[in-house]
Amino acid sequence: MSMSTRSSQKGVGMMEVLIALVVLAIGVLGYVMLQVRAMEATAEGTQRIQAINIARDLAERVRVNRSGWTFAASPKSYFTEFSTTALQADRTKDCAALTAECSASELADYDVNELYNYSLQYGMNLGMAECPGNTAANNKRYCIFVAWGDTVASNSSTDTNSCVNGNAYRASSTCVMMEVY
């Protein structure tokens, strides 16, 4: 190898190392992005499972206390207790106390308050409304909504933050909807 070839080769090894480092850095960044996305998916899955558990708990409480499942405004019922956040937060009687005797409407009030407070611990909000597509007056199916983030636990075709837009989940909503009957 002549002297002129050697001098023209100076620094080529360093360039190869730098290019290899850039390629390695891009690979590491890609791996980090995959890990971040996996963690986001895990967090969303955890929230969704928690929301399903809250909705299932409420559905079971409704099935146990059938007398508290009326659609009238009076006496208090599960449906009326969900009409405002103030009613969800208000509790007239502690039905878990050993000496407490509660009526069906008092138990509905207690159940909604318990689940309202439980959902607040996880940054979620609750709602109940007539299910989308429900038309039969004698066959009232109601839906429990559990939402988190910026999503509101409701069914509204006008509110862009609602869980459901009248007949289907909103694309950007973070919520769970469960039928209760």
C-alpha atoms as a PDB file:
ATOM      1  CA  MET A   1       0.000   0.000   0.000  1.00  0.00           C
ATOM      2  CA  SER A   2       1.480   3.307  -0.996  1.00  0.00           C
ATOM      3  CA  MET A   3       1.857   6.296   1.257  1.00  0.00           C
ATOM      4  CA  SER A   4      -0.731   8.345  -0.624  1.00  0.00           C
ATOM      5  CA  THR A   5      -3.397   5.639  -0.144  1.00  0.00           C
ATOM      6  CA  ARG A   6      -2.725   5.524   3.571  1.00  0.00           C
ATOM      7  CA  SER A   7      -3.071   9.246   4.023  1.00  0.00           C
ATOM      8  CA  SER A   8      -6.379   9.271   2.155  1.00  0.00           C
ATOM      9  CA  GLN A   9      -7.665   6.511   4.480  1.00  0.00           C
ATOM     10  CA  LYS A  10      -7.104   8.531   7.661  1.00  0.00           C
ATOM     11  CA  GLY A  11     -10.357   9.159   9.564  1.00  0.00           C
ATOM     12  CA  VAL A  12     -12.403   6.573   7.651  1.00  0.00           C
ATOM     13  CA  GLY A  13     -12.395   4.240  10.664  1.00  0.00           C
ATOM     14  CA  MET A  14     -13.672   7.062  12.850  1.00  0.00           C
ATOM     15  CA  MET A  15     -16.511   7.775  10.388  1.00  0.00           C
ATOM     16  CA  GLU A  16     -17.516   4.108  10.445  1.00  0.00           C
ATOM     17  CA  VAL A  17     -17.657   4.203  14.242  1.00  0.00           C
ATOM     18  CA  LEU A  18     -19.761   7.396  14.217  1.00  0.00           C
ATOM     19  CA  ILE A  19     -22.213   5.943  11.692  1.00  0.00           C
ATOM     20  CA  ALA A  20     -22.491   2.769  13.766  1.00  0.00           C
ATOM     21  CA  LEU A  21     -23.226   4.900  16.860  1.00  0.00           C
ATOM     22  CA  VAL A  22     -25.962   6.819  15.023  1.00  0.00           C
ATOM     23  CA  VAL A  23     -27.583   3.571  13.857  1.00  0.00           C
ATOM     24  CA  LEU A  24     -27.346   2.158  17.385  1.00  0.00           C
ATOM     25  CA  ALA A  25     -28.862   5.343  18.861  1.00  0.00           C
ATOM     26  CA  ILE A  26     -31.808   5.152  16.450  1.00  0.00           C
ATOM     27  CA  GLY A  27     -32.356   1.520  17.432  1.00  0.00           C
ATOM     28  CA  VAL A  28     -32.257   2.358  21.152  1.00  0.00           C
ATOM     29  CA  LEU A  29     -34.723   5.231  20.653  1.00  0.00           C
ATOM     30  CA  GLY A  30     -37.067   2.888  18.807  1.00  0.00           C
ATOM     31  CA  TYR A  31     -36.875   0.389  21.638  1.00  0.00           C
ATOM     32  CA  VAL A  32     -37.555   3.135  24.206  1.00  0.00           C
ATOM     33  CA  MET A  33     -40.619   4.278  22.237  1.00  0.00           C
ATOM     34  CA  LEU A  34     -41.925   0.708  22.178  1.00  0.00           C
ATOM     35  CA  GLN A  35     -41.503   0.498  25.954  1.00  0.00           C
ATOM     36  CA  VAL A  36     -43.313   3.811  26.471  1.00  0.00           C
ATOM     37  CA  ARG A  37     -46.214   2.660  24.283  1.00  0.00           C
ATOM     38  CA  ALA A  38     -46.379  -0.654  26.158  1.00  0.00           C
ATOM     39  CA  MET A  39     -46.543   1.199  29.472  1.00  0.00           C
ATOM     40  CA  GLU A  40     -49.340   3.463  28.153  1.00  0.00           C
ATOM     41  CA  ALA A  41     -51.310   0.426  26.980  1.00  0.00           C
ATOM     42  CA  THR A  42     -50.816  -1.255  30.358  1.00  0.00           C
ATOM     43  CA  ALA A  43     -52.028   1.858  32.200  1.00  0.00           C
ATOM     44  CA  GLU A  44     -55.094   2.110  29.962  1.00  0.00           C
ATOM     45  CA  GLY A  45     -55.843  -1.580  30.462  1.00  0.00           C
ATOM     46  CA  THR A  46     -55.604  -1.157  34.224  1.00  0.00           C
ATOM     47  CA  GLN A  47     -58.024   1.782  34.132  1.00  0.00           C
ATOM     48  CA  ARG A  48     -60.426  -0.145  31.925  1.00  0.00           C
ATOM     49  CA  ILE A  49     -60.378  -3.146  34.282  1.00  0.00           C
ATOM     50  CA  GLN A  50     -61.009  -0.874  37.275  1.00  0.00           C
ATOM     51  CA  ALA A  51     -63.918   0.789  35.449  1.00  0.00           C
ATOM     52  CA  ILE A  52     -65.420  -2.601  34.574  1.00  0.00           C
ATOM     53  CA  ASN A  53     -65.143  -3.671  38.218  1.00  0.00           C
ATOM     54  CA  ILE A  54     -66.946  -0.510  39.380  1.00  0.00           C
ATOM     55  CA  ALA A  55     -69.714  -0.969  36.784  1.00  0.00           C
ATOM     56  CA  ARG A  56     -70.091  -4.653  37.644  1.00  0.00           C
ATOM     57  CA  ASP A  57     -70.250  -3.826  41.366  1.00  0.00           C
ATOM     58  CA  LEU A  58     -73.055  -1.342  40.726  1.00  0.00           C
ATOM     59  CA  ALA A  59     -74.925  -3.794  38.470  1.00  0.00           C
ATOM     60  CA  GLU A  60     -74.756  -6.465  41.188  1.00  0.00           C
ATOM     61  CA  ARG A  61     -76.001  -4.006  43.825  1.00  0.00           C
ATOM     62  CA  VAL A  62     -78.924  -3.086  41.569  1.00  0.00           C
ATOM     63  CA  ARG A  63     -79.818  -6.755  41.048  1.00  0.00           C
ATOM     64  CA  VAL A  64     -79.733  -7.394  44.805  1.00  0.00           C
ATOM     65  CA  ASN A  65     -81.879  -4.340  45.615  1.00  0.00           C
ATOM     66  CA  ARG A  66     -84.598  -4.666  42.949  1.00  0.00           C
ATOM     67  CA  SER A  67     -86.983  -2.462  44.938  1.00  0.00           C
ATOM     68  CA  GLY A  68     -84.492   0.388  44.618  1.00  0.00           C
ATOM     69  CA  TRP A  69     -84.615   0.050  40.845  1.00  0.00           C
ATOM     70  CA  THR A  70     -87.510   2.339  40.004  1.00  0.00           C
ATOM     71  CA  PHE A  71     -87.633   4.906  37.250  1.00  0.00           C
ATOM     72  CA  ALA A  72     -89.719   7.433  39.151  1.00  0.00           C
ATOM     73  CA  ALA A  73     -88.185  10.567  40.650  1.00  0.00           C
ATOM     74  CA  SER A  74     -89.581   9.694  44.062  1.00  0.00           C
ATOM     75  CA  PRO A  75     -88.728   7.736  46.130  1.00  0.00           C
ATOM     76  CA  LYS A  76     -84.980   7.860  45.601  1.00  0.00           C
ATOM     77  CA  SER A  77     -83.741   5.151  43.278  1.00  0.00           C
ATOM     78  CA  TYR A  78     -80.507   4.213  41.574  1.00  0.00           C
ATOM     79  CA  PHE A  79     -81.573   6.155  38.508  1.00  0.00           C
ATOM     80  CA  THR A  80     -82.465   9.368  40.384  1.00  0.00           C
ATOM     81  CA  GLU A  81     -79.302   9.163  42.497  1.00  0.00           C
ATOM     82  CA  PHE A  82     -77.220   9.354  39.321  1.00  0.00           C
ATOM     83  CA  SER A  83     -79.042  12.412  37.969  1.00  0.00           C
ATOM     84  CA  THR A  84     -76.577  14.880  39.555  1.00  0.00           C
ATOM     85  CA  THR A  85     -73.116  14.764  41.100  1.00  0.00           C
ATOM     86  CA  ALA A  86     -74.562  16.381  44.241  1.00  0.00           C
ATOM     87  CA  LEU A  87     -76.951  13.452  44.719  1.00  0.00           C
ATOM     88  CA  GLN A  88     -74.115  10.981  44.128  1.00  0.00           C
ATOM     89  CA  ALA A  89     -72.011  12.684  46.800  1.00  0.00           C
ATOM     90  CA  ASP A  90     -74.897  12.984  49.289  1.00  0.00           C
ATOM     91  CA  ARG A  91     -75.715  10.094  51.628  1.00  0.00           C
ATOM     92  CA  THR A  92     -78.604  10.178  54.080  1.00  0.00           C
ATOM     93  CA  LYS A  93     -77.894   6.998  56.027  1.00  0.00           C
ATOM     94  CA  ASP A  94     -75.009   4.598  56.660  1.00  0.00           C
ATOM     95  CA  CYS A  95     -76.521   1.267  55.664  1.00  0.00           C
ATOM     96  CA  ALA A  96     -73.293  -0.586  56.511  1.00  0.00           C
ATOM     97  CA  ALA A  97     -73.689   0.146  60.225  1.00  0.00           C
ATOM     98  CA  LEU A  98     -74.730  -2.892  62.241  1.00  0.00           C
ATOM     99  CA  THR A  99     -77.705  -1.069  63.766  1.00  0.00           C
ATOM    100  CA  ALA A 100     -78.954   0.482  60.532  1.00  0.00           C
ATOM    101  CA  GLU A 101     -82.188  -0.617  58.942  1.00  0.00           C
ATOM    102  CA  CYS A 102     -82.442   0.814  55.474  1.00  0.00           C
ATOM    103  CA  SER A 103     -85.303   1.001  53.029  1.00  0.00           C
ATOM    104  CA  ALA A 104     -84.733   0.139  49.376  1.00  0.00           C
ATOM    105  CA  SER A 105     -84.365   3.815  48.440  1.00  0.00           C
ATOM    106  CA  GLU A 106     -81.938   4.449  51.329  1.00  0.00           C
ATOM    107  CA  LEU A 107     -79.878   1.453  50.229  1.00  0.00           C
ATOM    108  CA  ALA A 108     -79.837   2.781  46.647  1.00  0.00           C
ATOM    109  CA  ASP A 109     -78.658   6.145  48.011  1.00  0.00           C
ATOM    110  CA  TYR A 110     -75.965   4.413  50.072  1.00  0.00           C
ATOM    111  CA  ASP A 111     -74.782   2.211  47.170  1.00  0.00           C
ATOM    112  CA  VAL A 112     -74.452   5.116  44.749  1.00  0.00           C
ATOM    113  CA  ASN A 113     -72.553   7.177  47.323  1.00  0.00           C
ATOM    114  CA  GLU A 114     -70.174   4.303  48.081  1.00  0.00           C
ATOM    115  CA  LEU A 115     -69.358   3.735  44.421  1.00  0.00           C
ATOM    116  CA  TYR A 116     -69.142   7.474  43.745  1.00  0.00           C
ATOM    117  CA  ASN A 117     -66.478   7.853  46.451  1.00  0.00           C
ATOM    118  CA  TYR A 118     -64.697   4.693  45.284  1.00  0.00           C
ATOM    119  CA  SER A 119     -64.576   5.917  41.687  1.00  0.00           C
ATOM    120  CA  LEU A 120     -63.189   9.304  42.778  1.00  0.00           C
ATOM    121  CA  GLN A 121     -60.198   7.513  44.303  1.00  0.00           C
ATOM    122  CA  TYR A 122     -59.305   6.319  40.797  1.00  0.00           C
ATOM    123  CA  GLY A 123     -60.089   9.622  39.048  1.00  0.00           C
ATOM    124  CA  MET A 124     -63.244   8.247  37.454  1.00  0.00           C
ATOM    125  CA  ASN A 125     -66.798   9.545  37.214  1.00  0.00           C
ATOM    126  CA  LEU A 126     -70.060   7.619  37.100  1.00  0.00           C
ATOM    127  CA  GLY A 127     -73.299   8.046  35.215  1.00  0.00           C
ATOM    128  CA  MET A 128     -76.485   6.192  34.370  1.00  0.00           C
ATOM    129  CA  ALA A 129     -78.795   6.847  31.447  1.00  0.00           C
ATOM    130  CA  GLU A 130     -81.188   5.077  29.151  1.00  0.00           C
ATOM    131  CA  CYS A 131     -79.226   2.796  26.827  1.00  0.00           C
ATOM    132  CA  PRO A 132     -78.761   3.832  23.193  1.00  0.00           C
ATOM    133  CA  GLY A 133     -81.390   2.354  20.911  1.00  0.00           C
ATOM    134  CA  ASN A 134     -83.831   1.665  23.751  1.00  0.00           C
ATOM    135  CA  THR A 135     -87.333   2.431  22.465  1.00  0.00           C
ATOM    136  CA  ALA A 136     -89.732   0.138  24.306  1.00  0.00           C
ATOM    137  CA  ALA A 137     -91.398   2.010  27.175  1.00  0.00           C
ATOM    138  CA  ASN A 138     -92.038  -1.176  29.144  1.00  0.00           C
ATOM    139  CA  ASN A 139     -88.538  -2.570  28.608  1.00  0.00           C
ATOM    140  CA  LYS A 140     -86.319   0.088  30.144  1.00  0.00           C
ATOM    141  CA  ARG A 141     -82.676  -0.840  29.809  1.00  0.00           C
ATOM    142  CA  TYR A 142     -80.290   1.522  31.478  1.00  0.00           C
ATOM    143  CA  CYS A 143     -76.565   1.820  30.974  1.00  0.00           C
ATOM    144  CA  ILE A 144     -73.925   2.444  33.591  1.00  0.00           C
ATOM    145  CA  PHE A 145     -71.118   4.690  32.386  1.00  0.00           C
ATOM    146  CA  VAL A 146     -67.714   4.824  34.065  1.00  0.00           C
ATOM    147  CA  ALA A 147     -65.349   7.373  32.522  1.00  0.00           C
ATOM    148  CA  TRP A 148     -61.903   8.767  33.267  1.00  0.00           C
ATOM    149  CA  GLY A 149     -59.670  11.487  31.906  1.00  0.00           C
ATOM    150  CA  ASP A 150     -61.578  14.226  30.076  1.00  0.00           C
ATOM    151  CA  THR A 151     -64.504  11.947  29.204  1.00  0.00           C
ATOM    152  CA  VAL A 152     -67.874  12.586  30.865  1.00  0.00           C
ATOM    153  CA  ALA A 153     -69.874   9.527  31.949  1.00  0.00           C
ATOM    154  CA  SER A 154     -72.930  10.253  29.813  1.00  0.00           C
ATOM    155  CA  ASN A 155     -74.711   9.587  26.537  1.00  0.00           C
ATOM    156  CA  SER A 156     -74.966  12.780  24.507  1.00  0.00           C
ATOM    157  CA  SER A 157     -75.000  13.504  20.804  1.00  0.00           C
ATOM    158  CA  THR A 158     -73.998  17.150  21.443  1.00  0.00           C
ATOM    159  CA  ASP A 159     -71.339  16.921  24.191  1.00  0.00           C
ATOM    160  CA  THR A 160     -68.042  16.027  22.517  1.00  0.00           C
ATOM    161  CA  ASN A 161     -66.607  14.859  25.862  1.00  0.00           C
ATOM    162  CA  SER A 162     -69.380  12.321  26.485  1.00  0.00           C
ATOM    163  CA  CYS A 163     -68.704   8.589  26.548  1.00  0.00           C
ATOM    164  CA  VAL A 164     -71.288   7.736  23.893  1.00  0.00           C
ATOM    165  CA  ASN A 165     -72.598   9.903  21.042  1.00  0.00           C
ATOM    166  CA  GLY A 166     -76.156   8.608  21.047  1.00  0.00           C
ATOM    167  CA  ASN A 167     -75.560   5.146  19.612  1.00  0.00           C
ATOM    168  CA  ALA A 168     -71.835   4.293  19.772  1.00  0.00           C
ATOM    169  CA  TYR A 169     -68.655   5.007  21.698  1.00  0.00           C
ATOM    170  CA  ARG A 170     -66.885   8.228  20.746  1.00  0.00           C
ATOM    171  CA  ALA A 171     -63.543   7.537  19.089  1.00  0.00           C
ATOM    172  CA  SER A 172     -61.512   9.494  21.629  1.00  0.00           C
ATOM    173  CA  SER A 173     -63.494   8.551  24.744  1.00  0.00           C
ATOM    174  CA  THR A 174     -61.969   6.748  27.715  1.00  0.00           C
ATOM    175  CA  CYS A 175     -64.905   4.982  29.311  1.00  0.00           C
ATOM    176  CA  VAL A 176     -66.827   1.782  29.817  1.00  0.00           C
ATOM    177  CA  MET A 177     -70.564   1.306  29.263  1.00  0.00           C
ATOM    178  CA  MET A 178     -72.480  -1.611  30.793  1.00  0.00           C
ATOM    179  CA  GLU A 179     -76.177  -2.454  30.519  1.00  0.00           C
ATOM    180  CA  VAL A 180     -78.140  -3.036  33.693  1.00  0.00           C
ATOM    181  CA  TYR A 181     -81.671  -4.391  33.794  1.00  0.00           C
END
